[in-house]
Amino acid sequence: MPTLFRFLATLVILGGLAFAGLFALATLVVPTPREMSVTIPASKLQPPGR
């Protein structure tokens, strides 16, 4: 039984570290907005069948 508790404790600690990492990334990293342009081919702008 002690190995089961050790295994579960290890999983809980790893899950907590993963959650803390995701939380830190979500709150501390600020994305820089920039302009974006996408070229659309003329064939995509034509309605089908015409």
C-alpha atoms as a PDB file:
ATOM      1  CA  MET A   1       0.000   0.000   0.000  1.00  0.00           C
ATOM      2  CA  PRO A   2       2.783   2.538   0.661  1.00  0.00           C
ATOM      3  CA  THR A   3       3.915   2.321  -2.969  1.00  0.00           C
ATOM      4  CA  LEU A   4       0.392   3.169  -4.119  1.00  0.00           C
ATOM      5  CA  PHE A   5       0.338   6.251  -1.894  1.00  0.00           C
ATOM      6  CA  ARG A   6       3.798   7.263  -3.127  1.00  0.00           C
ATOM      7  CA  PHE A   7       2.660   6.818  -6.738  1.00  0.00           C
ATOM      8  CA  LEU A   8      -0.503   8.858  -6.183  1.00  0.00           C
ATOM      9  CA  ALA A   9       1.458  11.567  -4.377  1.00  0.00           C
ATOM     10  CA  THR A  10       3.913  11.730  -7.295  1.00  0.00           C
ATOM     11  CA  LEU A  11       1.022  12.073  -9.756  1.00  0.00           C
ATOM     12  CA  VAL A  12      -0.565  14.821  -7.656  1.00  0.00           C
ATOM     13  CA  ILE A  13       2.718  16.723  -7.429  1.00  0.00           C
ATOM     14  CA  LEU A  14       3.353  16.427 -11.179  1.00  0.00           C
ATOM     15  CA  GLY A  15      -0.219  17.534 -11.914  1.00  0.00           C
ATOM     16  CA  GLY A  16       0.219  20.507  -9.583  1.00  0.00           C
ATOM     17  CA  LEU A  17       3.456  21.495 -11.310  1.00  0.00           C
ATOM     18  CA  ALA A  18       1.782  21.253 -14.721  1.00  0.00           C
ATOM     19  CA  PHE A  19      -1.149  23.359 -13.506  1.00  0.00           C
ATOM     20  CA  ALA A  20       1.214  25.941 -11.985  1.00  0.00           C
ATOM     21  CA  GLY A  21       3.161  26.131 -15.254  1.00  0.00           C
ATOM     22  CA  LEU A  22       0.022  26.635 -17.317  1.00  0.00           C
ATOM     23  CA  PHE A  23      -1.279  29.224 -14.872  1.00  0.00           C
ATOM     24  CA  ALA A  24       2.035  31.101 -14.974  1.00  0.00           C
ATOM     25  CA  LEU A  25       2.043  31.083 -18.787  1.00  0.00           C
ATOM     26  CA  ALA A  26      -1.551  32.306 -18.924  1.00  0.00           C
ATOM     27  CA  THR A  27      -1.026  35.177 -16.481  1.00  0.00           C
ATOM     28  CA  LEU A  28       2.568  36.311 -17.017  1.00  0.00           C
ATOM     29  CA  VAL A  29       3.042  36.088 -20.797  1.00  0.00           C
ATOM     30  CA  VAL A  30       1.529  39.010 -22.693  1.00  0.00           C
ATOM     31  CA  PRO A  31       1.193  38.458 -26.462  1.00  0.00           C
ATOM     32  CA  THR A  32       2.249  41.288 -28.751  1.00  0.00           C
ATOM     33  CA  PRO A  33      -0.496  42.192 -31.237  1.00  0.00           C
ATOM     34  CA  ARG A  34       0.618  42.647 -34.834  1.00  0.00           C
ATOM     35  CA  GLU A  35      -0.986  43.190 -38.200  1.00  0.00           C
ATOM     36  CA  MET A  36      -1.722  40.177 -40.350  1.00  0.00           C
ATOM     37  CA  SER A  37      -2.618  39.907 -44.019  1.00  0.00           C
ATOM     38  CA  VAL A  38      -3.719  36.788 -45.872  1.00  0.00           C
ATOM     39  CA  THR A  39      -3.819  36.513 -49.652  1.00  0.00           C
ATOM     40  CA  ILE A  40      -7.002  34.848 -50.932  1.00  0.00           C
ATOM     41  CA  PRO A  41      -6.952  33.451 -54.481  1.00  0.00           C
ATOM     42  CA  ALA A  42      -9.567  34.889 -56.847  1.00  0.00           C
ATOM     43  CA  SER A  43     -11.008  31.408 -57.433  1.00  0.00           C
ATOM     44  CA  LYS A  44     -12.073  31.272 -53.783  1.00  0.00           C
ATOM     45  CA  LEU A  45     -13.985  34.542 -54.101  1.00  0.00           C
ATOM     46  CA  GLN A  46     -16.182  33.343 -57.015  1.00  0.00           C
ATOM     47  CA  PRO A  47     -19.448  31.667 -56.016  1.00  0.00           C
ATOM     48  CA  PRO A  48     -19.613  28.006 -57.156  1.00  0.00           C
ATOM     49  CA  GLY A  49     -21.464  27.273 -60.394  1.00  0.00           C
ATOM     50  CA  ARG A  50     -20.763  30.566 -62.133  1.00  0.00           C
END
